[in-house]
Amino acid sequence: MRMNGAQAVLESLKQEGVDVVFGYPGGAVLTLYDAVYKMKFPHILTRHEQGAVHAADGYARATGKVGVAFATSGPGATNLTTGIATAMIDSVPLVCITGQVATPYIGKDAFQEADVVGITTPITKHNYLVKRVDDLPRVLKEAFFIARTGRPGPVVIDVAKDVFEAKIDYEYPESVALKGYSGDYTGDPKELDDVMAALAEAKKPLLFAGGGIMTAGTAELVRDIVRRLGIPSTSTLLGLGAIPADEPGYTSFAGMHGSYASNMAIQECDLLLCVGMRFSDRVTGKVSAFAPHAKIVHFEIDSAEVGKNVRADIPVLGDLRWSLPLFKARVEALPENTAEHFAEWRGHVAKMHREVPFGWKEEGDAIKPGALIRKVSETMKDAIAVTDVGQHQMWAAQFFDVYEPRHFLTSGGQGTMGYGLPAAMGAKVACPEKEVVLFSGDGSIMMNCQELSTIADNDIDVKVLVLHNHILGMVGQWQRLFYNHHYSASELKGKTDLVKLAEAMGVKGYRLTKKEELTTRLPELLREKGPLLIDVLIPEEEDVLPMVPGGKRLDQMVLGGLKK
């Protein structure tokens, strides 16, 4: 089939099952966008390239499919880098296709030229510069294979402008042949012998669920294992949803702002079964004092993560889709009364969670963040929750109950402010039948507020709640606790009216100021059709608790008034 390079790109996307692209045009990709026009390829015009890549990320996290973003050369491509880095550290499959100046001008400092391959090498799983049109089908095939297999991640394809215009006898490859990379992560079943031996000796085992469980689609296996063993469980921030919020023995997420019971259970357990996680510093606290009494089992696909931050006494290296079915089979072969052995330990952990739950202190008419998010959780129980980054992110993790995988989307490793609005947009495009709610802050929402225009113009039904405390909340909290209340460049007491901003961009805007409105107005607003923004005024000096200060052990939490 004879076509130009731009048409070959879109035909390749069709072959890979791509049903929508997020992007922003420019000079180097005009031929690509002409093909989008002629082929009527589904495309959503964001208002900034960063919005496009975060939207593709939200799409990918909500579905498990590869998200796709387009951008032009130079500043268009460099505007993607924050989103690419966000996807890389959280293992999100993306293919970002960028324009480059024409091949005769590469390396000549031509107008809108940037070394995209050089810039993105540290933040991609792989990248390409395509200077021959005949390479396009192979490169597209490889890019999607690399992005979605093994430990997923972003792949960048930088395409010279004249390659989009050149003609090709198009044929899409049926297979991929990459030297040194097969995408197969089958491990050694003998490693599970050591896991079962450790389990037989354990009196206080704890399962620690990470985001890799969502990536691998193995949540049901993990739930079956926890139930069969009758052991308590916790999760990382990205692991929220791997185990239902109401599962007996589940104590919510662990780490810097995790639950008291989760952190204490990690410090007290004698066997820690870690599944699909990378031991982020936000999870471990003081590394040398992490899980001091435990033998640590690490189910992990990426050998680079094993022993990188925390010792792994028993590594189980391989894809969770390989290892967990084998582990489940061995667990199911244990005696029927196995769970009885752990009943006392399970009861102890559950008691800690009952006695020191996440909570808040009521103060007059003020709307407390926990009360707000808990009400949203009750009203939109099956919704996909998306967050930006900061205090509101932690409150959402604490008070929004997540029951299913891929229902809590957040920037974990990179902590990217501005992630939330475009990611929520991408999630809603991916899952139109699902309700999508975004929790943001008055700092984060301004980072990519231009995407309010995108959700308005495309009628993308996202409910945006801004927890508005007139300060960069987490920065202010640290300045309060550790810098003697020196609010240096963190206060947001300007003249911006978020309701008017939303309305100016075509999104309905509302404001809540008193706690009774959580009952009298909020549920009704959340049931409205179409996108809307609710500006919710909350106290400026509300802290996220519990909190593990930097360099402290997980059991050295600041609890404030949480402990009974």
Protein backbone atom coordinates (compact mmCIF):
# COMPACT_ATOMS: atom_id res chain seq x y z
CA MET A 1 0.00 0.00 0.00
CA ARG A 2 1.59 3.30 -1.14
CA MET A 3 1.37 6.19 1.33
CA ASN A 4 3.49 8.91 2.92
CA GLY A 5 5.29 8.62 6.26
CA ALA A 6 2.60 10.50 8.17
CA GLN A 7 -0.08 8.14 6.93
CA ALA A 8 2.19 5.21 7.80
CA VAL A 9 2.40 6.46 11.38
CA LEU A 10 -1.37 6.62 11.74
CA GLU A 11 -1.88 3.27 10.03
CA SER A 12 0.63 1.76 12.46
CA LEU A 13 -1.28 3.25 15.40
CA LYS A 14 -4.43 1.61 14.07
CA GLN A 15 -2.61 -1.72 13.88
CA GLU A 16 -1.65 -1.31 17.55
CA GLY A 17 -5.25 -0.67 18.58
CA VAL A 18 -4.80 3.01 19.41
CA ASP A 19 -8.22 4.66 19.53
CA VAL A 20 -7.24 8.24 20.44
CA VAL A 21 -4.19 10.50 20.45
CA PHE A 22 -3.59 13.61 22.57
CA GLY A 23 -1.48 16.28 20.97
CA TYR A 24 -0.63 19.78 19.79
CA PRO A 25 0.43 20.66 16.22
CA GLY A 26 3.36 22.70 14.95
CA GLY A 27 5.51 23.22 11.88
CA ALA A 28 7.47 19.95 11.98
CA VAL A 29 4.32 17.82 12.29
CA LEU A 30 1.99 19.62 9.87
CA THR A 31 2.12 16.69 7.44
CA LEU A 32 1.22 14.34 10.30
CA TYR A 33 -1.71 16.54 11.24
CA ASP A 34 -2.82 16.73 7.62
CA ALA A 35 -2.99 12.93 7.72
CA VAL A 36 -5.00 13.13 10.95
CA TYR A 37 -7.45 15.39 9.09
CA LYS A 38 -7.67 13.22 5.97
CA MET A 39 -7.89 9.89 7.83
CA LYS A 40 -10.25 11.29 10.49
CA PHE A 41 -8.00 9.81 13.16
CA PRO A 42 -9.40 10.42 16.68
CA HIS A 43 -7.36 13.24 18.22
CA ILE A 44 -7.87 15.55 21.19
CA LEU A 45 -6.23 18.95 20.96
CA THR A 46 -4.93 19.84 24.40
CA ARG A 47 -3.95 23.40 25.22
CA HIS A 48 -0.34 22.57 26.06
CA GLU A 49 1.98 19.69 25.21
CA GLN A 50 2.40 18.87 28.89
CA GLY A 51 -1.37 18.45 29.02
CA ALA A 52 -1.15 16.02 26.12
CA VAL A 53 1.44 13.73 27.69
CA HIS A 54 -0.28 13.71 31.10
CA ALA A 55 -3.59 12.94 29.38
CA ALA A 56 -1.95 10.02 27.57
CA ASP A 57 -0.56 8.92 30.94
CA GLY A 58 -4.01 9.05 32.58
CA TYR A 59 -5.44 7.09 29.65
CA ALA A 60 -2.73 4.44 30.05
CA ARG A 61 -3.08 4.13 33.83
CA ALA A 62 -6.86 3.82 33.62
CA THR A 63 -6.78 1.10 30.93
CA GLY A 64 -3.39 -0.60 30.91
CA LYS A 65 -3.11 0.25 27.21
CA VAL A 66 -0.34 2.36 25.68
CA GLY A 67 -1.09 6.09 25.76
CA VAL A 68 -0.04 8.16 22.74
CA ALA A 69 0.93 11.83 22.48
CA PHE A 70 2.00 14.00 19.53
CA ALA A 71 4.14 17.15 19.67
CA THR A 72 6.12 19.27 17.28
CA SER A 73 9.88 19.85 17.30
CA GLY A 74 11.90 22.00 19.70
CA PRO A 75 9.75 23.50 22.45
CA GLY A 76 6.84 21.22 21.58
CA ALA A 77 8.95 18.16 22.27
CA THR A 78 10.70 19.61 25.32
CA ASN A 79 7.31 20.45 26.83
CA LEU A 80 6.68 16.70 26.99
CA THR A 81 9.66 15.94 29.19
CA THR A 82 7.98 16.44 32.58
CA GLY A 83 5.23 14.04 31.60
CA ILE A 84 7.70 11.52 30.16
CA ALA A 85 9.69 11.55 33.40
CA THR A 86 6.46 11.15 35.38
CA ALA A 87 5.53 8.08 33.33
CA MET A 88 9.03 6.60 33.48
CA ILE A 89 9.35 6.47 37.25
CA ASP A 90 5.80 5.13 37.67
CA SER A 91 6.21 2.52 34.88
CA VAL A 92 3.47 3.86 32.59
CA PRO A 93 3.42 2.71 28.94
CA LEU A 94 3.52 5.68 26.54
CA VAL A 95 4.57 6.28 22.95
CA CYS A 96 5.36 9.94 22.29
CA ILE A 97 5.80 10.88 18.64
CA THR A 98 7.59 14.17 18.09
CA GLY A 99 8.52 16.10 14.99
CA GLN A 100 12.12 16.98 14.23
CA VAL A 101 13.58 19.41 11.71
CA ALA A 102 14.20 17.98 8.23
CA THR A 103 17.21 15.66 7.94
CA PRO A 104 19.49 18.17 6.09
CA TYR A 105 19.09 20.60 9.00
CA ILE A 106 19.63 18.21 11.92
CA GLY A 107 22.61 19.38 13.96
CA LYS A 108 22.62 22.84 12.34
CA ASP A 109 20.71 24.67 15.11
CA ALA A 110 17.78 25.09 12.76
CA PHE A 111 14.61 26.85 13.84
CA GLN A 112 12.87 24.84 16.57
CA GLU A 113 15.54 22.16 16.67
CA ALA A 114 16.29 20.32 19.91
CA ASP A 115 18.20 17.10 20.55
CA VAL A 116 15.12 15.18 21.64
CA VAL A 117 16.88 11.81 21.76
CA GLY A 118 19.65 13.25 23.94
CA ILE A 119 17.23 15.10 26.20
CA THR A 120 14.91 12.14 26.75
CA THR A 121 17.45 9.30 27.00
CA PRO A 122 17.56 9.36 30.84
CA ILE A 123 13.75 9.46 31.15
CA THR A 124 12.62 6.88 28.60
CA LYS A 125 12.69 3.14 28.36
CA HIS A 126 13.93 3.62 24.79
CA ASN A 127 13.92 6.29 22.10
CA TYR A 128 14.45 6.67 18.35
CA LEU A 129 15.40 9.30 15.79
CA VAL A 130 13.86 8.31 12.45
CA LYS A 131 15.61 9.71 9.37
CA ARG A 132 14.44 7.10 6.80
CA VAL A 133 10.80 6.59 5.97
CA ASP A 134 11.35 2.85 5.42
CA ASP A 135 12.22 2.51 9.12
CA LEU A 136 8.90 3.87 10.37
CA PRO A 137 6.78 0.67 10.46
CA ARG A 138 9.53 -1.29 12.23
CA VAL A 139 10.17 1.50 14.72
CA LEU A 140 6.46 1.87 15.55
CA LYS A 141 6.13 -1.89 16.05
CA GLU A 142 9.17 -2.00 18.31
CA ALA A 143 8.13 1.09 20.27
CA PHE A 144 4.75 -0.35 21.28
CA PHE A 145 6.33 -3.70 22.10
CA ILE A 146 8.95 -2.07 24.32
CA ALA A 147 6.46 0.30 25.99
CA ARG A 148 3.99 -2.39 27.03
CA THR A 149 6.15 -5.44 27.80
CA GLY A 150 8.24 -6.23 30.85
CA ARG A 151 8.35 -3.24 33.17
CA PRO A 152 6.36 -0.75 31.06
CA GLY A 153 7.58 2.73 30.30
CA PRO A 154 7.62 5.62 27.83
CA VAL A 155 9.18 5.41 24.37
CA VAL A 156 9.91 8.51 22.27
CA ILE A 157 9.97 8.44 18.47
CA ASP A 158 11.49 11.61 17.01
CA VAL A 159 10.68 11.84 13.30
CA ALA A 160 12.36 14.20 10.84
CA LYS A 161 9.91 16.47 9.01
CA ASP A 162 10.81 15.16 5.56
CA VAL A 163 10.21 11.57 6.71
CA PHE A 164 6.54 12.38 7.24
CA GLU A 165 6.41 13.61 3.62
CA ALA A 166 8.37 10.79 1.97
CA LYS A 167 6.57 7.90 0.23
CA ILE A 168 6.66 4.29 1.38
CA ASP A 169 5.26 0.97 0.22
CA TYR A 170 3.66 0.34 3.60
CA GLU A 171 3.63 -3.03 5.28
CA TYR A 172 3.38 -3.43 9.04
CA PRO A 173 5.67 -6.06 10.61
CA GLU A 174 4.01 -9.08 12.20
CA SER A 175 6.71 -9.56 14.84
CA VAL A 176 9.56 -7.87 16.66
CA ALA A 177 13.18 -9.04 16.79
CA LEU A 178 15.26 -7.02 19.23
CA LYS A 179 18.78 -8.00 20.24
CA GLY A 180 18.97 -8.50 23.99
CA TYR A 181 15.30 -7.87 24.69
CA SER A 182 12.56 -10.48 24.38
CA GLY A 183 9.94 -9.03 26.72
CA ASP A 184 9.83 -12.41 28.47
CA TYR A 185 10.37 -12.25 32.22
CA THR A 186 9.92 -15.84 33.30
CA GLY A 187 11.91 -16.58 36.43
CA ASP A 188 13.11 -19.57 38.42
CA PRO A 189 10.29 -21.46 40.21
CA LYS A 190 12.82 -22.72 42.78
CA GLU A 191 12.89 -19.22 44.31
CA LEU A 192 9.39 -19.88 45.58
CA ASP A 193 10.71 -22.78 47.67
CA ASP A 194 12.45 -20.26 49.92
CA VAL A 195 9.28 -18.14 50.13
CA MET A 196 7.23 -21.10 51.30
CA ALA A 197 9.90 -22.09 53.82
CA ALA A 198 9.90 -18.57 55.24
CA LEU A 199 6.11 -18.58 55.37
CA ALA A 200 6.12 -21.85 57.29
CA GLU A 201 8.36 -20.29 59.95
CA ALA A 202 6.58 -16.92 60.15
CA LYS A 203 4.31 -15.88 62.98
CA LYS A 204 3.69 -12.31 61.83
CA PRO A 205 3.60 -12.15 58.01
CA LEU A 206 2.45 -9.01 56.18
CA LEU A 207 1.75 -8.55 52.45
CA PHE A 208 2.88 -5.23 50.96
CA ALA A 209 1.13 -4.49 47.64
CA GLY A 210 2.74 -2.18 45.07
CA GLY A 211 1.76 -0.53 41.82
CA GLY A 212 3.26 -3.38 39.80
CA ILE A 213 0.19 -5.42 40.69
CA MET A 214 -1.97 -3.00 38.70
CA THR A 215 0.53 -2.96 35.86
CA ALA A 216 0.49 -6.76 35.63
CA GLY A 217 -3.27 -7.09 36.11
CA THR A 218 -2.76 -9.49 39.00
CA ALA A 219 -4.89 -7.90 41.73
CA GLU A 220 -7.27 -10.87 41.93
CA LEU A 221 -4.35 -13.23 42.53
CA VAL A 222 -3.06 -11.05 45.36
CA ARG A 223 -6.51 -10.88 46.93
CA ASP A 224 -6.87 -14.65 46.75
CA ILE A 225 -3.46 -15.12 48.38
CA VAL A 226 -4.23 -12.71 51.23
CA ARG A 227 -7.60 -14.33 51.90
CA ARG A 228 -6.26 -17.86 51.78
CA LEU A 229 -3.41 -17.08 54.17
CA GLY A 230 -5.53 -14.87 56.41
CA ILE A 231 -2.72 -12.34 56.82
CA PRO A 232 -2.90 -8.55 57.15
CA SER A 233 -1.95 -6.38 54.20
CA THR A 234 -0.92 -2.86 53.31
CA SER A 235 0.02 -1.06 50.09
CA THR A 236 2.11 1.69 48.60
CA LEU A 237 0.48 4.87 47.29
CA LEU A 238 0.46 3.44 43.76
CA GLY A 239 -0.75 0.12 45.14
CA LEU A 240 -4.09 1.58 46.28
CA GLY A 241 -6.82 -0.55 44.74
CA ALA A 242 -4.81 -3.76 44.56
CA ILE A 243 -6.66 -4.83 47.71
CA PRO A 244 -10.18 -3.48 48.37
CA ALA A 245 -10.44 -0.74 50.98
CA ASP A 246 -12.90 -2.84 52.99
CA GLU A 247 -10.87 -6.08 52.89
CA PRO A 248 -10.50 -7.52 56.43
CA GLY A 249 -6.93 -7.01 57.59
CA TYR A 250 -6.11 -4.32 55.02
CA THR A 251 -4.76 -1.18 56.70
CA SER A 252 -4.54 1.28 53.78
CA PHE A 253 -1.23 2.59 52.48
CA ALA A 254 2.08 2.84 54.33
CA GLY A 255 4.90 5.35 54.44
CA MET A 256 5.41 9.02 55.22
CA HIS A 257 1.69 9.80 55.45
CA GLY A 258 0.42 6.24 55.62
CA SER A 259 -1.66 4.72 58.37
CA TYR A 260 -0.42 4.06 61.89
CA ALA A 261 -1.32 0.38 61.64
CA SER A 262 0.48 -0.07 58.30
CA ASN A 263 3.71 1.49 59.50
CA MET A 264 3.66 -0.29 62.84
CA ALA A 265 2.88 -3.63 61.19
CA ILE A 266 5.90 -3.22 58.90
CA GLN A 267 8.10 -2.53 61.91
CA GLU A 268 6.69 -5.47 63.89
CA CYS A 269 6.29 -8.18 61.23
CA ASP A 270 8.68 -11.11 60.89
CA LEU A 271 7.98 -11.73 57.17
CA LEU A 272 7.28 -8.97 54.66
CA LEU A 273 5.93 -10.18 51.31
CA CYS A 274 6.59 -7.23 48.97
CA VAL A 275 4.85 -7.51 45.61
CA GLY A 276 5.57 -5.21 42.67
CA MET A 277 7.08 -2.27 44.56
CA ARG A 278 10.42 -0.46 44.56
CA PHE A 279 10.90 0.69 48.20
CA SER A 280 10.66 4.42 47.58
CA ASP A 281 12.13 6.63 50.28
CA ARG A 282 8.57 7.85 50.96
CA VAL A 283 7.68 4.27 51.89
CA THR A 284 10.70 3.18 53.90
CA GLY A 285 11.51 6.09 56.18
CA LYS A 286 14.98 5.50 57.65
CA VAL A 287 16.17 2.66 55.41
CA SER A 288 18.51 1.08 57.94
CA ALA A 289 15.61 0.74 60.39
CA PHE A 290 12.97 -0.45 57.90
CA ALA A 291 11.20 -3.70 58.87
CA PRO A 292 13.99 -4.54 61.36
CA HIS A 293 12.58 -7.92 62.45
CA ALA A 294 11.44 -9.12 59.03
CA LYS A 295 12.72 -11.47 56.41
CA ILE A 296 11.94 -9.56 53.22
CA VAL A 297 10.57 -11.29 50.13
CA HIS A 298 10.61 -9.19 46.96
CA PHE A 299 8.44 -10.21 43.98
CA GLU A 300 9.85 -7.97 41.24
CA ILE A 301 10.19 -7.87 37.45
CA ASP A 302 13.16 -5.47 37.29
CA SER A 303 16.44 -6.89 38.59
CA ALA A 304 17.77 -3.34 39.02
CA GLU A 305 15.23 -2.76 41.81
CA VAL A 306 16.19 -5.84 43.85
CA GLY A 307 18.41 -4.73 46.71
CA LYS A 308 18.69 -1.18 45.34
CA ASN A 309 17.11 0.55 48.34
CA VAL A 310 16.26 -2.23 50.79
CA ARG A 311 17.81 -5.67 51.23
CA ALA A 312 15.87 -8.54 49.68
CA ASP A 313 16.42 -11.71 51.68
CA ILE A 314 14.40 -13.73 49.18
CA PRO A 315 14.04 -12.22 45.69
CA VAL A 316 11.50 -13.70 43.29
CA LEU A 317 12.60 -12.21 40.00
CA GLY A 318 10.11 -12.28 37.16
CA ASP A 319 6.82 -11.00 35.80
CA LEU A 320 4.05 -11.13 38.42
CA ARG A 321 1.89 -12.82 35.78
CA TRP A 322 4.37 -15.69 36.02
CA SER A 323 5.24 -15.73 39.73
CA LEU A 324 1.91 -15.03 41.44
CA PRO A 325 -0.05 -17.92 39.87
CA LEU A 326 2.69 -20.28 41.05
CA PHE A 327 2.71 -18.71 44.51
CA LYS A 328 -1.09 -18.92 44.72
CA ALA A 329 -1.02 -22.61 43.78
CA ARG A 330 1.47 -23.32 46.56
CA VAL A 331 -0.54 -21.29 49.07
CA GLU A 332 -3.71 -23.18 48.16
CA ALA A 333 -1.88 -26.44 48.84
CA LEU A 334 -1.28 -25.43 52.47
CA PRO A 335 -3.45 -26.92 55.24
CA GLU A 336 -6.98 -25.55 55.47
CA ASN A 337 -6.33 -24.15 58.94
CA THR A 338 -3.32 -22.03 57.85
CA ALA A 339 -5.17 -18.77 58.52
CA GLU A 340 -5.74 -19.81 62.14
CA HIS A 341 -2.00 -19.63 62.78
CA PHE A 342 -2.04 -15.92 62.01
CA ALA A 343 -5.32 -15.01 63.74
CA GLU A 344 -3.71 -13.36 66.77
CA TRP A 345 -1.35 -11.28 64.62
CA ARG A 346 -4.16 -10.34 62.24
CA GLY A 347 -6.30 -9.26 65.19
CA HIS A 348 -3.46 -7.16 66.64
CA VAL A 349 -2.96 -5.27 63.36
CA ALA A 350 -6.72 -4.74 62.95
CA LYS A 351 -6.91 -3.41 66.52
CA MET A 352 -4.18 -0.85 65.81
CA HIS A 353 -6.07 0.28 62.71
CA ARG A 354 -9.31 0.68 64.68
CA GLU A 355 -7.66 2.57 67.52
CA VAL A 356 -5.65 4.98 65.34
CA PRO A 357 -7.59 5.57 62.12
CA PHE A 358 -7.13 8.42 59.72
CA GLY A 359 -9.15 11.33 61.07
CA TRP A 360 -9.58 15.05 61.55
CA LYS A 361 -10.58 17.53 64.25
CA GLU A 362 -13.79 19.47 63.67
CA GLU A 363 -13.46 23.24 64.02
CA GLY A 364 -16.59 25.36 63.82
CA ASP A 365 -17.98 25.79 60.30
CA ALA A 366 -14.69 24.99 58.58
CA ILE A 367 -14.64 22.33 55.86
CA LYS A 368 -12.05 19.76 56.81
CA PRO A 369 -10.26 17.99 53.93
CA GLY A 370 -10.94 14.54 55.36
CA ALA A 371 -14.65 15.25 55.70
CA LEU A 372 -14.82 16.57 52.13
CA ILE A 373 -13.02 13.61 50.57
CA ARG A 374 -14.87 11.06 52.68
CA LYS A 375 -18.17 12.56 51.45
CA VAL A 376 -17.00 12.41 47.82
CA SER A 377 -15.94 8.80 48.38
CA GLU A 378 -19.39 7.90 49.68
CA THR A 379 -21.14 9.75 46.85
CA MET A 380 -18.91 8.46 44.01
CA LYS A 381 -17.96 5.03 45.35
CA ASP A 382 -17.02 3.47 42.00
CA ALA A 383 -15.34 6.56 40.54
CA ILE A 384 -11.79 6.79 39.25
CA ALA A 385 -10.05 9.21 41.60
CA VAL A 386 -7.20 11.30 40.21
CA THR A 387 -4.97 13.64 42.20
CA ASP A 388 -2.44 16.34 41.73
CA VAL A 389 0.47 16.49 44.18
CA GLY A 390 0.67 17.87 47.69
CA GLN A 391 -1.44 17.77 50.83
CA HIS A 392 -4.65 17.08 48.92
CA GLN A 393 -2.96 14.04 47.31
CA MET A 394 -2.26 12.52 50.72
CA TRP A 395 -5.73 13.34 52.04
CA ALA A 396 -7.24 11.70 48.96
CA ALA A 397 -5.16 8.59 49.58
CA GLN A 398 -6.25 8.53 53.21
CA PHE A 399 -9.96 9.23 52.84
CA PHE A 400 -11.03 8.11 49.35
CA ASP A 401 -11.81 4.40 49.55
CA VAL A 402 -10.43 2.52 46.54
CA TYR A 403 -11.93 -0.89 45.77
CA GLU A 404 -10.62 -1.71 42.30
CA PRO A 405 -7.31 -1.57 40.43
CA ARG A 406 -6.68 1.48 38.22
CA HIS A 407 -9.17 3.56 40.23
CA PHE A 408 -6.59 5.80 41.95
CA LEU A 409 -4.30 7.68 39.55
CA THR A 410 -1.54 9.87 40.92
CA SER A 411 2.03 10.93 40.23
CA GLY A 412 3.96 8.84 42.74
CA GLY A 413 7.70 8.86 42.11
CA GLN A 414 8.02 12.21 40.37
CA GLY A 415 5.43 14.13 42.40
CA THR A 416 4.36 16.24 39.43
CA MET A 417 2.16 19.23 40.20
CA GLY A 418 -0.14 19.84 37.24
CA TYR A 419 -0.51 16.12 36.54
CA GLY A 420 -4.07 15.81 37.76
CA LEU A 421 -6.32 17.76 35.39
CA PRO A 422 -4.96 16.37 32.10
CA ALA A 423 -4.61 12.87 33.61
CA ALA A 424 -8.24 12.96 34.75
CA MET A 425 -9.20 14.07 31.25
CA GLY A 426 -7.29 11.13 29.77
CA ALA A 427 -8.89 8.70 32.22
CA LYS A 428 -12.40 9.88 31.32
CA VAL A 429 -11.68 9.62 27.59
CA ALA A 430 -10.42 6.09 28.23
CA CYS A 431 -13.35 5.08 30.44
CA PRO A 432 -16.38 7.17 29.43
CA GLU A 433 -18.71 4.88 31.39
CA LYS A 434 -16.87 5.65 34.65
CA GLU A 435 -17.22 8.71 36.87
CA VAL A 436 -13.93 10.57 37.22
CA VAL A 437 -13.16 12.95 40.07
CA LEU A 438 -10.02 15.07 40.44
CA PHE A 439 -8.67 16.28 43.76
CA SER A 440 -6.35 19.24 43.26
CA GLY A 441 -4.98 22.17 45.22
CA ASP A 442 -4.95 25.88 44.52
CA GLY A 443 -1.25 25.50 43.69
CA SER A 444 -1.44 22.41 41.48
CA ILE A 445 -4.56 23.41 39.53
CA MET A 446 -2.80 26.50 38.13
CA MET A 447 0.01 24.39 36.67
CA ASN A 448 -2.17 23.10 33.81
CA CYS A 449 -5.41 25.02 34.28
CA GLN A 450 -5.53 25.65 30.52
CA GLU A 451 -6.86 22.10 30.13
CA LEU A 452 -10.18 23.29 31.57
CA SER A 453 -10.72 24.57 28.04
CA THR A 454 -10.04 21.11 26.66
CA ILE A 455 -12.54 19.36 28.93
CA ALA A 456 -15.12 22.08 28.20
CA ASP A 457 -14.70 22.06 24.42
CA ASN A 458 -14.78 18.26 24.26
CA ASP A 459 -17.46 17.88 26.95
CA ILE A 460 -15.23 15.59 29.02
CA ASP A 461 -17.16 15.00 32.23
CA VAL A 462 -14.58 15.43 34.98
CA LYS A 463 -15.53 16.70 38.43
CA VAL A 464 -12.71 18.93 39.70
CA LEU A 465 -12.47 19.64 43.42
CA VAL A 466 -9.88 22.22 44.45
CA LEU A 467 -8.88 22.05 48.12
CA HIS A 468 -8.19 25.75 48.49
CA ASN A 469 -6.08 26.77 51.48
CA HIS A 470 -4.32 29.81 49.98
CA ILE A 471 -0.90 28.21 50.29
CA LEU A 472 1.30 25.57 48.68
CA GLY A 473 0.03 23.13 51.26
CA MET A 474 2.82 20.60 51.68
CA VAL A 475 5.51 23.26 51.35
CA GLY A 476 3.67 25.30 53.98
CA GLN A 477 3.37 22.29 56.28
CA TRP A 478 7.13 21.70 56.18
CA GLN A 479 7.82 25.40 56.65
CA ARG A 480 5.47 25.35 59.64
CA LEU A 481 7.03 22.26 61.22
CA PHE A 482 10.71 22.66 60.36
CA TYR A 483 11.31 26.30 59.33
CA ASN A 484 9.69 28.24 62.17
CA HIS A 485 6.57 29.23 60.16
CA HIS A 486 8.69 31.03 57.54
CA TYR A 487 6.23 30.92 54.62
CA SER A 488 8.82 31.86 52.03
CA ALA A 489 7.23 32.13 48.55
CA SER A 490 4.51 29.60 49.44
CA GLU A 491 1.44 31.71 50.19
CA LEU A 492 -1.20 32.05 47.47
CA LYS A 493 -3.23 34.97 48.74
CA GLY A 494 -3.63 36.73 45.42
CA LYS A 495 -6.60 37.85 43.38
CA THR A 496 -7.25 34.73 41.29
CA ASP A 497 -10.89 33.61 41.37
CA LEU A 498 -10.95 29.92 40.44
CA VAL A 499 -14.71 29.87 39.90
CA LYS A 500 -14.48 32.71 37.38
CA LEU A 501 -11.43 31.10 35.80
CA ALA A 502 -13.36 27.88 35.24
CA GLU A 503 -16.37 29.72 33.87
CA ALA A 504 -14.16 31.77 31.53
CA MET A 505 -12.96 28.49 30.04
CA GLY A 506 -16.44 27.05 29.68
CA VAL A 507 -16.61 24.92 32.84
CA LYS A 508 -19.28 25.44 35.46
CA GLY A 509 -17.80 26.75 38.71
CA TYR A 510 -19.03 26.60 42.30
CA ARG A 511 -17.62 27.45 45.73
CA LEU A 512 -18.16 25.76 49.09
CA THR A 513 -17.21 27.53 52.33
CA LYS A 514 -19.10 25.84 55.21
CA LYS A 515 -19.12 22.23 56.36
CA GLU A 516 -22.91 21.88 56.19
CA GLU A 517 -22.59 22.33 52.42
CA LEU A 518 -20.94 18.91 52.27
CA THR A 519 -24.42 17.55 52.93
CA THR A 520 -26.69 20.23 51.49
CA ARG A 521 -24.88 21.00 48.21
CA LEU A 522 -21.95 18.72 47.42
CA PRO A 523 -23.79 15.48 46.51
CA GLU A 524 -26.14 17.39 44.22
CA LEU A 525 -23.24 19.15 42.48
CA LEU A 526 -21.40 15.88 41.95
CA ARG A 527 -24.47 14.45 40.22
CA GLU A 528 -24.64 17.28 37.68
CA LYS A 529 -23.98 16.37 34.07
CA GLY A 530 -20.84 17.64 32.41
CA PRO A 531 -17.52 18.99 33.69
CA LEU A 532 -17.44 21.31 36.66
CA LEU A 533 -15.04 22.82 39.19
CA ILE A 534 -15.82 23.15 42.88
CA ASP A 535 -13.59 25.56 44.78
CA VAL A 536 -13.61 24.33 48.39
CA LEU A 537 -12.16 26.64 51.04
CA ILE A 538 -10.30 24.74 53.77
CA PRO A 539 -8.19 25.90 56.75
CA GLU A 540 -4.74 27.15 55.80
CA GLU A 541 -2.84 25.48 58.65
CA GLU A 542 -4.38 22.01 58.41
CA ASP A 543 -1.60 19.38 58.51
CA VAL A 544 -1.50 15.97 56.87
CA LEU A 545 -1.15 13.43 59.67
CA PRO A 546 0.27 10.92 60.43
CA MET A 547 3.66 12.07 59.24
CA VAL A 548 7.04 10.37 59.38
CA PRO A 549 9.63 13.18 59.44
CA GLY A 550 12.58 12.81 57.10
CA GLY A 551 15.24 10.44 58.40
CA LYS A 552 12.97 8.91 61.05
CA ARG A 553 11.77 5.32 61.42
CA LEU A 554 8.26 4.36 60.35
CA ASP A 555 7.30 3.90 63.99
CA GLN A 556 8.39 7.47 64.81
CA MET A 557 5.25 9.01 63.37
CA VAL A 558 3.91 12.44 64.30
CA LEU A 559 0.29 11.59 65.13
CA GLY A 560 -1.02 14.91 66.44
CA GLY A 561 -4.50 14.31 67.80
CA LEU A 562 -5.11 11.08 65.87
CA LYS A 563 -4.22 8.63 68.63
CA LYS A 564 -7.02 7.89 71.07
